[in-house]
Amino acid sequence: MTSQSEIVKTTTRTRRAQGNNSARSRFNRLITYLLLIATSLCFLVPFAWLILSALKSSDEIFVFPPVWLPKHWEWGNFAKALTTLPFGRYALNSILIAAANVVGNVLSCAFVAYGFARFRFPGRRILFMVMLATMMIPNQVLLVPQFILFHDLGWLNTFLPLTVPAFFGSAFYVFLLRQFFMTIPTELEEAAKIDGAGSLRIFFTVILPLIKPALMAVAIFSFQGAWNDFLAPLIYLNDPSKYTLQLGLSQFQGTFHTEWNLIMAATVVVALPMLIIFFAAQRYFIEGITMTGTKG
């Protein structure tokens, strides 16, 4: 009888402890969700303000106290913003530059990263550290020597300064892909070599398909960087017919008057491709980021 009573007490204490743990777990989950919702709202508020401002008249944007919803929904702001300037030409220029940057960065960085990850040669570690050190150099420091170099090459007012450097790789993308290559077992390459495959065939048919998430992450980063770049096109392009979308947005800002509602409407349209690409490829993008660095 005594042993049965102790078993009942022990079972009761265990169930009570499990109930307390379950309640604590639900409370922690609730706090986590509330923090995530609050953080998400902080990031969504500026975007919501951008969209609503694009639908206001120019007089309503700066009224005080500020109002969220416009009295009259100015849907015509989008049509006016897209027809005031040669928006199609600017979009085509941005697409060409962004596509060239994606192709250049993905190919060149994959080659260099594979070399650092797999091939053994004298000075490999020193070269890799020097390459990483280049990430510490601010881009502003490189503007003058790069401008002189492109001027001497006769590339000013062309797309070459905005696209050719991508085919020489980026230190950050090389580092990201190298970390991904390190996670792939070398036995796969050894098996391919036994079957008679060469290094290039192994690279294109065996290795590259395995790092598709990392390549997608590099492609998205490259597209975003080229699509949103304002400084480089401002420095190297003089012909308005070669302007990108970011330079086109600056055309709305006049000396004495600025149509902020049109700028907001055009900015919404310019931001849409990035949002579509991110949501379409977010699975590969998140997988590529989270799996990078699992092996140093």
Protein backbone atom coordinates (compact mmCIF):
# COMPACT_ATOMS: atom_id res chain seq x y z
CA MET A 1 0.00 0.00 0.00
CA THR A 2 2.83 2.32 0.87
CA SER A 3 4.58 1.78 -2.43
CA GLN A 4 1.33 2.37 -4.37
CA SER A 5 0.75 5.64 -2.48
CA GLU A 6 4.26 6.83 -3.32
CA ILE A 7 3.77 5.94 -6.97
CA VAL A 8 0.53 7.96 -7.06
CA LYS A 9 2.23 10.96 -5.42
CA THR A 10 5.17 10.78 -7.81
CA THR A 11 2.84 10.56 -10.81
CA THR A 12 0.85 13.55 -9.55
CA ARG A 13 4.02 15.63 -9.06
CA THR A 14 5.25 14.66 -12.53
CA ARG A 15 1.98 15.66 -14.19
CA ARG A 16 1.93 18.92 -12.24
CA ALA A 17 5.50 19.69 -13.35
CA GLN A 18 4.63 18.86 -16.97
CA GLY A 19 1.62 21.19 -16.73
CA ASN A 20 3.79 24.00 -15.37
CA ASN A 21 6.37 23.45 -18.12
CA SER A 22 3.65 23.47 -20.76
CA ALA A 23 2.15 26.71 -19.40
CA ARG A 24 5.62 28.30 -19.26
CA SER A 25 6.29 27.18 -22.82
CA ARG A 26 2.99 28.70 -24.05
CA PHE A 27 3.78 31.96 -22.22
CA ASN A 28 7.28 32.15 -23.74
CA ARG A 29 5.83 31.41 -27.21
CA LEU A 30 3.24 34.18 -26.73
CA ILE A 31 5.95 36.70 -25.73
CA THR A 32 8.03 35.66 -28.73
CA TYR A 33 5.10 36.14 -31.12
CA LEU A 34 4.28 39.56 -29.64
CA LEU A 35 7.91 40.71 -30.04
CA LEU A 36 8.02 39.44 -33.62
CA ILE A 37 4.73 41.19 -34.46
CA ALA A 38 5.95 44.45 -32.91
CA THR A 39 9.26 44.24 -34.81
CA SER A 40 7.45 43.46 -38.06
CA LEU A 41 5.20 46.49 -37.62
CA CYS A 42 8.26 48.71 -37.11
CA PHE A 43 9.60 47.56 -40.49
CA LEU A 44 6.20 47.76 -42.24
CA VAL A 45 5.24 51.26 -41.09
CA PRO A 46 7.70 53.10 -43.43
CA PHE A 47 6.58 50.96 -46.38
CA ALA A 48 2.90 51.61 -45.58
CA TRP A 49 3.64 55.35 -45.33
CA LEU A 50 5.38 55.19 -48.73
CA ILE A 51 2.36 53.55 -50.41
CA LEU A 52 -0.20 55.85 -48.78
CA SER A 53 1.87 58.94 -49.63
CA ALA A 54 1.91 57.80 -53.26
CA LEU A 55 -1.89 58.01 -53.23
CA LYS A 56 -2.12 61.50 -51.72
CA SER A 57 -2.15 64.90 -53.34
CA SER A 58 0.99 67.01 -52.96
CA ASP A 59 -0.79 69.24 -50.41
CA GLU A 60 -1.76 66.35 -48.12
CA ILE A 61 1.72 64.88 -47.69
CA PHE A 62 3.03 67.63 -45.40
CA VAL A 63 -0.15 68.52 -43.47
CA PHE A 64 0.25 68.74 -39.70
CA PRO A 65 -0.79 66.76 -37.76
CA PRO A 66 -0.01 64.00 -40.29
CA VAL A 67 -2.86 61.89 -41.64
CA TRP A 68 -2.47 58.29 -42.71
CA LEU A 69 -5.36 57.93 -45.14
CA PRO A 70 -5.75 60.46 -47.99
CA LYS A 71 -9.06 62.31 -48.35
CA HIS A 72 -8.99 61.73 -52.09
CA TRP A 73 -7.21 58.64 -53.42
CA GLU A 74 -5.00 59.93 -56.25
CA TRP A 75 -4.53 56.73 -58.26
CA GLY A 76 -3.47 58.85 -61.22
CA ASN A 77 -0.17 59.61 -59.47
CA PHE A 78 1.20 56.28 -60.71
CA ALA A 79 0.28 56.95 -64.35
CA LYS A 80 1.62 60.50 -64.12
CA ALA A 81 4.88 59.35 -62.52
CA LEU A 82 5.44 56.68 -65.19
CA THR A 83 4.72 58.99 -68.13
CA THR A 84 6.50 62.14 -66.96
CA LEU A 85 9.89 60.57 -67.63
CA PRO A 86 11.07 57.82 -70.06
CA PHE A 87 10.48 55.22 -67.40
CA GLY A 88 10.66 52.29 -69.85
CA ARG A 89 14.13 53.31 -71.05
CA TYR A 90 15.38 53.70 -67.46
CA ALA A 91 13.91 50.30 -66.53
CA LEU A 92 15.58 48.61 -69.51
CA ASN A 93 18.95 50.14 -68.59
CA SER A 94 18.60 49.00 -64.96
CA ILE A 95 17.62 45.47 -66.05
CA LEU A 96 20.64 45.17 -68.38
CA ILE A 97 23.07 46.38 -65.71
CA ALA A 98 21.54 44.22 -62.97
CA ALA A 99 21.48 41.10 -65.18
CA ALA A 100 25.15 41.57 -66.14
CA ASN A 101 26.08 41.96 -62.47
CA VAL A 102 24.21 38.78 -61.55
CA VAL A 103 25.92 36.72 -64.28
CA GLY A 104 29.35 38.20 -63.56
CA ASN A 105 29.26 37.81 -59.80
CA VAL A 106 27.80 34.29 -59.81
CA LEU A 107 30.32 32.90 -62.34
CA SER A 108 33.48 34.64 -61.15
CA CYS A 109 32.83 34.23 -57.42
CA ALA A 110 31.91 30.54 -57.82
CA PHE A 111 35.19 29.86 -59.67
CA VAL A 112 37.35 31.72 -57.13
CA ALA A 113 35.53 30.27 -54.10
CA TYR A 114 35.88 26.72 -55.46
CA GLY A 115 39.61 27.27 -55.92
CA PHE A 116 40.05 28.50 -52.34
CA ALA A 117 37.93 25.63 -50.97
CA ARG A 118 39.37 22.68 -52.88
CA PHE A 119 42.77 23.38 -54.45
CA ARG A 120 45.93 23.35 -52.35
CA PHE A 121 48.65 25.79 -53.52
CA PRO A 122 51.39 27.85 -51.82
CA GLY A 123 50.11 31.01 -50.18
CA ARG A 124 46.46 29.97 -50.35
CA ARG A 125 45.65 31.10 -46.81
CA ILE A 126 47.54 34.38 -47.19
CA LEU A 127 45.75 35.19 -50.44
CA PHE A 128 42.40 34.37 -48.85
CA MET A 129 43.13 36.65 -45.86
CA VAL A 130 44.25 39.47 -48.21
CA MET A 131 41.02 39.04 -50.17
CA LEU A 132 38.97 39.24 -46.95
CA ALA A 133 40.91 42.34 -45.90
CA THR A 134 39.70 44.14 -49.03
CA MET A 135 36.20 44.12 -47.53
CA MET A 136 37.47 46.58 -44.91
CA ILE A 137 38.24 49.23 -47.56
CA PRO A 138 35.39 51.75 -47.94
CA ASN A 139 34.03 52.10 -51.47
CA GLN A 140 34.43 55.88 -51.25
CA VAL A 141 38.22 55.44 -51.09
CA LEU A 142 38.19 53.62 -54.44
CA LEU A 143 36.06 56.16 -56.30
CA VAL A 144 38.86 58.43 -57.53
CA PRO A 145 41.33 55.73 -58.73
CA GLN A 146 38.47 53.82 -60.36
CA PHE A 147 37.24 56.95 -62.13
CA ILE A 148 40.77 57.67 -63.44
CA LEU A 149 41.13 54.05 -64.60
CA PHE A 150 37.79 54.02 -66.44
CA HIS A 151 38.53 57.45 -67.93
CA ASP A 152 41.86 56.21 -69.32
CA LEU A 153 40.11 53.16 -70.75
CA GLY A 154 37.51 55.37 -72.44
CA TRP A 155 34.63 53.70 -70.60
CA LEU A 156 32.96 56.83 -69.21
CA ASN A 157 29.32 57.35 -70.23
CA THR A 158 29.00 53.63 -71.01
CA PHE A 159 27.66 50.66 -69.06
CA LEU A 160 31.13 49.06 -68.86
CA PRO A 161 32.15 50.62 -65.48
CA LEU A 162 28.85 49.37 -64.03
CA THR A 163 29.09 45.79 -65.34
CA VAL A 164 32.70 44.69 -66.04
CA PRO A 165 33.91 44.86 -62.37
CA ALA A 166 31.29 42.23 -61.48
CA PHE A 167 33.15 39.69 -63.65
CA PHE A 168 36.21 40.06 -61.38
CA GLY A 169 34.32 38.86 -58.32
CA SER A 170 33.45 40.25 -54.91
CA ALA A 171 35.25 39.37 -51.68
CA PHE A 172 32.03 38.94 -49.71
CA TYR A 173 30.42 36.63 -52.29
CA VAL A 174 33.64 34.58 -52.59
CA PHE A 175 33.71 34.15 -48.82
CA LEU A 176 30.03 33.16 -48.76
CA LEU A 177 30.40 30.56 -51.52
CA ARG A 178 33.67 29.19 -50.14
CA GLN A 179 31.97 28.47 -46.82
CA PHE A 180 29.27 26.60 -48.73
CA PHE A 181 31.82 24.60 -50.77
CA MET A 182 33.49 23.50 -47.51
CA THR A 183 30.30 21.70 -46.48
CA ILE A 184 30.31 19.43 -49.58
CA PRO A 185 32.03 16.05 -48.99
CA THR A 186 35.16 15.55 -51.08
CA GLU A 187 34.10 11.94 -51.68
CA LEU A 188 31.67 13.18 -54.35
CA GLU A 189 34.51 14.71 -56.39
CA GLU A 190 36.73 11.65 -55.87
CA ALA A 191 33.94 9.40 -57.15
CA ALA A 192 33.50 11.62 -60.20
CA LYS A 193 37.26 11.54 -60.87
CA ILE A 194 37.21 7.73 -60.73
CA ASP A 195 34.46 7.83 -63.38
CA GLY A 196 36.79 9.90 -65.58
CA ALA A 197 35.33 13.40 -65.10
CA GLY A 198 37.66 16.39 -65.33
CA SER A 199 37.80 19.36 -62.98
CA LEU A 200 35.53 21.59 -65.09
CA ARG A 201 32.96 18.83 -65.59
CA ILE A 202 32.96 18.08 -61.84
CA PHE A 203 32.54 21.78 -61.11
CA PHE A 204 29.60 22.35 -63.48
CA THR A 205 27.75 19.01 -63.21
CA VAL A 206 28.45 17.87 -59.64
CA ILE A 207 29.31 20.85 -57.45
CA LEU A 208 27.26 23.77 -58.82
CA PRO A 209 23.88 21.94 -58.59
CA LEU A 210 24.61 21.24 -54.91
CA ILE A 211 25.17 24.89 -54.03
CA LYS A 212 22.06 26.24 -55.76
CA PRO A 213 20.79 27.98 -52.56
CA ALA A 214 24.09 29.84 -52.12
CA LEU A 215 24.14 30.83 -55.80
CA MET A 216 20.59 32.16 -55.49
CA ALA A 217 21.62 34.21 -52.45
CA VAL A 218 24.55 35.69 -54.40
CA ALA A 219 22.29 36.37 -57.39
CA ILE A 220 19.71 38.19 -55.24
CA PHE A 221 22.38 40.24 -53.44
CA SER A 222 23.97 41.17 -56.78
CA PHE A 223 20.66 42.13 -58.37
CA GLN A 224 19.68 44.22 -55.36
CA GLY A 225 23.04 46.00 -55.28
CA ALA A 226 22.95 46.88 -58.99
CA TRP A 227 19.22 47.71 -59.02
CA ASN A 228 19.44 50.12 -56.07
CA ASP A 229 22.83 51.62 -56.94
CA PHE A 230 22.66 55.38 -57.31
CA LEU A 231 26.22 56.62 -56.81
CA ALA A 232 28.02 54.68 -59.57
CA PRO A 233 25.52 55.56 -62.37
CA LEU A 234 25.59 59.18 -61.17
CA ILE A 235 29.40 59.28 -61.55
CA TYR A 236 29.86 57.37 -64.80
CA LEU A 237 26.74 58.22 -66.86
CA ASN A 238 26.15 61.60 -68.49
CA ASP A 239 23.73 60.78 -71.30
CA PRO A 240 20.10 60.90 -70.02
CA SER A 241 19.18 58.07 -72.39
CA LYS A 242 21.51 55.80 -70.37
CA TYR A 243 20.15 56.73 -66.96
CA THR A 244 18.98 53.99 -64.60
CA LEU A 245 15.77 54.00 -62.54
CA GLN A 246 17.57 55.37 -59.48
CA LEU A 247 18.83 58.36 -61.49
CA GLY A 248 15.36 58.71 -62.98
CA LEU A 249 13.84 59.05 -59.50
CA SER A 250 16.15 61.97 -58.79
CA GLN A 251 14.73 63.78 -61.86
CA PHE A 252 11.52 64.45 -59.93
CA GLN A 253 13.42 66.67 -57.51
CA GLY A 254 13.49 70.18 -58.93
CA THR A 255 15.34 73.27 -57.81
CA PHE A 256 12.31 75.10 -56.43
CA HIS A 257 9.61 72.44 -56.22
CA THR A 258 9.53 68.69 -55.70
CA GLU A 259 6.59 66.43 -56.51
CA TRP A 260 6.92 64.14 -53.49
CA ASN A 261 3.74 62.22 -54.26
CA LEU A 262 5.11 61.35 -57.73
CA ILE A 263 8.46 60.34 -56.23
CA MET A 264 6.61 58.04 -53.81
CA ALA A 265 4.53 56.53 -56.63
CA ALA A 266 7.62 55.93 -58.81
CA THR A 267 9.52 54.50 -55.82
CA VAL A 268 6.74 51.98 -55.19
CA VAL A 269 6.95 50.81 -58.81
CA VAL A 270 10.77 50.62 -58.68
CA ALA A 271 10.67 48.58 -55.45
CA LEU A 272 8.16 46.04 -56.81
CA PRO A 273 10.67 43.90 -58.82
CA MET A 274 12.85 43.44 -55.73
CA LEU A 275 9.85 42.39 -53.64
CA ILE A 276 8.69 39.93 -56.32
CA ILE A 277 12.18 38.41 -56.65
CA PHE A 278 12.58 38.09 -52.90
CA PHE A 279 9.23 36.39 -52.31
CA ALA A 280 9.70 34.11 -55.35
CA ALA A 281 13.18 32.98 -54.28
CA GLN A 282 13.04 33.43 -50.51
CA ARG A 283 13.28 29.68 -49.87
CA TYR A 284 16.63 29.44 -51.67
CA PHE A 285 17.74 32.78 -50.24
CA ILE A 286 17.11 31.84 -46.60
CA GLU A 287 18.52 28.35 -47.09
CA GLY A 288 21.65 29.76 -48.68
CA ILE A 289 22.23 32.19 -45.82
CA THR A 290 21.50 29.74 -42.98
CA MET A 291 23.63 26.89 -44.38
CA THR A 292 26.64 29.09 -45.08
CA GLY A 293 29.31 28.93 -42.41
CA THR A 294 28.43 25.53 -40.97
CA LYS A 295 32.04 24.55 -41.64
CA GLY A 296 34.97 26.97 -41.49
